């Protein structure tokens, strides 16, 4: 039978060997840091993609608004659905609006010369609110036209504590504006 002193010494030896053994320490350290690292990485990626999508929406809105500036929309009596479809065709690389134009909201307002241009915030209490109008400017008028396009961008990392949503339901409103005078 072994003595209690010998058992204590062997336990100390085992603990000492365990502390000195460094195999697997990198894996344990990575397991502790990995969730934070991947969370920050995904938050950065989601933010970058969202800002890139905002720029794509901005460019698409400017190009579609050019149809009004150059009378192409007026000459063909372009409806709101046709204008949305044209915009959707320009931004479909990043946006899911093909077949569902309800994701895309338009506000096209015409202001006569000398009129104060007022643009209201479309977000009220975490939801997108109107009233949104679509009116084509008359050809040859010196009116100012303001075209605004809105898209509710879904967010995924927001559910884990990184919150950049400005709409309810973990969504961010992307908005693009083009203002111009109609060409004579």
Protein backbone atom coordinates (compact mmCIF):
# COMPACT_ATOMS: atom_id res chain seq x y z
CA UNK A 1 0.00 0.00 0.00
CA UNK A 2 1.32 3.43 -0.91
CA UNK A 3 1.58 6.22 1.57
CA UNK A 4 -0.49 9.44 1.30
CA UNK A 5 2.75 11.43 0.98
CA UNK A 6 3.73 9.45 -2.13
CA UNK A 7 0.28 10.03 -3.66
CA UNK A 8 0.62 13.77 -3.03
CA UNK A 9 4.02 13.83 -4.68
CA UNK A 10 2.77 11.95 -7.74
CA UNK A 11 -0.20 14.35 -8.09
CA UNK A 12 2.21 17.29 -7.92
CA UNK A 13 4.39 15.69 -10.57
CA UNK A 14 1.41 15.16 -12.85
CA UNK A 15 0.27 18.79 -12.42
CA UNK A 16 3.81 20.07 -13.03
CA UNK A 17 4.11 18.02 -16.23
CA UNK A 18 0.68 19.23 -17.34
CA UNK A 19 1.68 22.88 -16.88
CA UNK A 20 4.92 22.42 -18.81
CA UNK A 21 3.27 20.62 -21.74
CA UNK A 22 2.43 23.23 -24.42
CA UNK A 23 0.91 20.90 -27.02
CA UNK A 24 -2.52 22.15 -28.08
CA UNK A 25 -2.24 25.55 -26.41
CA UNK A 26 -2.58 27.36 -29.73
CA UNK A 27 -5.79 25.47 -30.48
CA UNK A 28 -7.24 26.36 -27.08
CA UNK A 29 -6.27 30.03 -27.47
CA UNK A 30 -7.80 30.14 -30.96
CA UNK A 31 -11.00 28.53 -29.67
CA UNK A 32 -11.26 31.34 -27.13
CA UNK A 33 -10.60 34.15 -29.63
CA UNK A 34 -12.29 32.74 -32.77
CA UNK A 35 -15.92 33.75 -32.04
CA UNK A 36 -14.92 37.36 -31.47
CA UNK A 37 -12.63 37.38 -34.51
CA UNK A 38 -15.25 35.93 -36.87
CA UNK A 39 -17.96 38.20 -35.45
CA UNK A 40 -15.88 41.31 -36.18
CA UNK A 41 -14.90 39.94 -39.59
CA UNK A 42 -18.53 39.30 -40.61
CA UNK A 43 -19.61 42.72 -39.29
CA UNK A 44 -16.93 44.39 -41.43
CA UNK A 45 -17.95 42.39 -44.50
CA UNK A 46 -21.65 43.13 -44.04
CA UNK A 47 -20.98 46.85 -43.60
CA UNK A 48 -18.75 46.97 -46.67
CA UNK A 49 -21.30 45.13 -48.83
CA UNK A 50 -24.06 47.42 -47.59
CA UNK A 51 -22.09 50.56 -48.47
CA UNK A 52 -21.20 49.11 -51.86
CA UNK A 53 -24.89 48.35 -52.47
CA UNK A 54 -25.70 51.95 -51.54
CA UNK A 55 -23.29 53.15 -54.21
CA UNK A 56 -24.80 50.79 -56.79
CA UNK A 57 -28.27 52.14 -55.92
CA UNK A 58 -26.97 55.71 -56.21
CA UNK A 59 -25.49 55.07 -59.67
CA UNK A 60 -28.56 53.19 -60.89
CA UNK A 61 -30.86 55.97 -59.70
CA UNK A 62 -28.77 58.62 -61.46
CA UNK A 63 -28.79 56.63 -64.71
CA UNK A 64 -32.54 55.97 -64.56
CA UNK A 65 -33.26 59.59 -63.65
CA UNK A 66 -31.39 60.60 -66.78
CA UNK A 67 -34.32 59.12 -68.73
CA UNK A 68 -36.48 61.89 -67.30
CA UNK A 69 -33.87 64.57 -67.76
CA UNK A 70 -33.51 63.78 -71.47
CA UNK A 71 -37.30 63.40 -72.10
CA UNK A 72 -37.10 59.67 -72.86
CA UNK A 73 -39.44 58.85 -69.98
CA UNK A 74 -41.90 61.56 -70.95
CA UNK A 75 -41.89 60.68 -74.66
CA UNK A 76 -42.69 57.03 -73.90
CA UNK A 77 -45.14 57.89 -71.04
CA UNK A 78 -43.13 55.70 -68.71
CA UNK A 79 -45.18 54.41 -65.78
CA UNK A 80 -43.89 53.97 -62.25
CA UNK A 81 -43.68 50.19 -62.74
CA UNK A 82 -41.65 50.65 -65.93
CA UNK A 83 -39.33 53.13 -64.22
CA UNK A 84 -38.86 50.71 -61.30
CA UNK A 85 -38.14 47.90 -63.76
CA UNK A 86 -35.54 50.05 -65.53
CA UNK A 87 -33.91 50.85 -62.19
CA UNK A 88 -34.08 47.21 -61.12
CA UNK A 89 -32.36 46.13 -64.34
CA UNK A 90 -29.50 48.50 -63.51
CA UNK A 91 -29.04 47.32 -59.90
CA UNK A 92 -29.93 43.63 -60.10
CA UNK A 93 -26.34 42.59 -59.43
CA UNK A 94 -26.78 43.19 -55.69
CA UNK A 95 -30.50 43.74 -55.21
CA UNK A 96 -33.37 41.26 -55.16
CA UNK A 97 -35.99 43.21 -57.06
CA UNK A 98 -36.48 41.03 -60.15
CA UNK A 99 -40.09 39.88 -60.07
CA UNK A 100 -40.69 41.71 -56.78
CA UNK A 101 -40.61 45.45 -57.36
CA UNK A 102 -42.25 45.96 -53.97
CA UNK A 103 -38.76 45.96 -52.40
CA UNK A 104 -38.04 49.15 -54.30
CA UNK A 105 -39.83 52.41 -53.43
CA UNK A 106 -39.74 55.53 -55.61
CA UNK A 107 -40.47 59.15 -54.90
CA UNK A 108 -40.42 61.42 -57.97
CA UNK A 109 -41.47 65.00 -57.30
CA UNK A 110 -41.51 67.97 -59.65
CA UNK A 111 -40.91 71.48 -58.30
CA UNK A 112 -41.61 74.61 -60.31
CA UNK A 113 -38.94 77.36 -60.42
CA UNK A 114 -38.72 79.39 -57.24
CA UNK A 115 -40.46 76.75 -55.14
CA UNK A 116 -38.73 75.65 -51.97
CA UNK A 117 -37.67 72.02 -52.25
CA UNK A 118 -38.49 70.10 -49.11
CA UNK A 119 -37.48 66.52 -48.62
CA UNK A 120 -38.85 64.66 -45.64
CA UNK A 121 -37.31 61.77 -43.78
CA UNK A 122 -38.96 58.56 -45.02
CA UNK A 123 -38.36 56.71 -41.74
CA UNK A 124 -40.91 57.17 -38.98
CA UNK A 125 -40.76 54.95 -35.89
CA UNK A 126 -38.59 52.36 -37.61
CA UNK A 127 -40.69 51.90 -40.73
CA UNK A 128 -40.64 53.31 -44.24
CA UNK A 129 -43.50 55.75 -44.70
CA UNK A 130 -44.72 57.84 -47.60
CA UNK A 131 -46.49 59.43 -49.15
CA UNK A 132 -44.45 58.68 -52.23
CA UNK A 133 -45.50 60.13 -55.55
CA UNK A 134 -44.49 59.48 -59.11
CA UNK A 135 -45.01 62.37 -61.47
CA UNK A 136 -43.27 62.89 -64.79
CA UNK A 137 -42.10 66.42 -65.45
CA UNK A 138 -43.60 68.15 -68.48
CA UNK A 139 -41.22 68.37 -71.44
CA UNK A 140 -39.57 71.73 -71.99
CA UNK A 141 -40.35 73.06 -68.51
CA UNK A 142 -37.69 74.65 -66.32
CA UNK A 143 -38.82 72.51 -63.37
CA UNK A 144 -36.55 70.85 -60.88
CA UNK A 145 -37.09 67.12 -60.49
CA UNK A 146 -36.06 65.14 -57.42
CA UNK A 147 -35.94 61.37 -57.84
CA UNK A 148 -35.47 59.29 -54.69
CA UNK A 149 -35.16 55.52 -54.60
CA UNK A 150 -35.38 53.43 -51.42
CA UNK A 151 -34.49 49.82 -50.78
CA UNK A 152 -34.84 47.91 -47.52
CA UNK A 153 -31.53 46.03 -47.19
CA UNK A 154 -31.63 42.95 -44.91
CA UNK A 155 -28.96 42.66 -42.23
CA UNK A 156 -27.72 39.40 -40.72
CA UNK A 157 -24.90 40.23 -38.29
CA UNK A 158 -27.28 42.67 -36.57
CA UNK A 159 -28.90 39.74 -34.84
CA UNK A 160 -25.66 39.13 -32.95
CA UNK A 161 -25.36 42.57 -31.37
CA UNK A 162 -23.84 44.67 -34.16
CA UNK A 163 -26.78 46.95 -34.88
CA UNK A 164 -26.68 49.33 -37.86
CA UNK A 165 -30.35 48.83 -38.68
CA UNK A 166 -32.53 51.91 -38.98
CA UNK A 167 -35.72 49.98 -39.82
CA UNK A 168 -37.49 47.41 -37.73
CA UNK A 169 -36.92 43.78 -38.64
CA UNK A 170 -33.10 44.05 -38.89
CA UNK A 171 -33.12 46.11 -42.08
CA UNK A 172 -31.25 49.20 -43.22
CA UNK A 173 -32.85 51.70 -45.56
CA UNK A 174 -30.63 52.44 -48.52
CA UNK A 175 -31.58 55.69 -50.23
CA UNK A 176 -30.40 57.36 -53.42
CA UNK A 177 -31.30 60.80 -54.73
CA UNK A 178 -30.94 62.49 -58.10
CA UNK A 179 -31.95 66.13 -58.60
CA UNK A 180 -31.86 67.90 -61.94
CA UNK A 181 -33.49 70.43 -64.25
CA UNK A 182 -35.30 68.98 -67.23
CA UNK A 183 -33.53 69.68 -70.50
CA UNK A 184 -35.39 72.03 -72.84
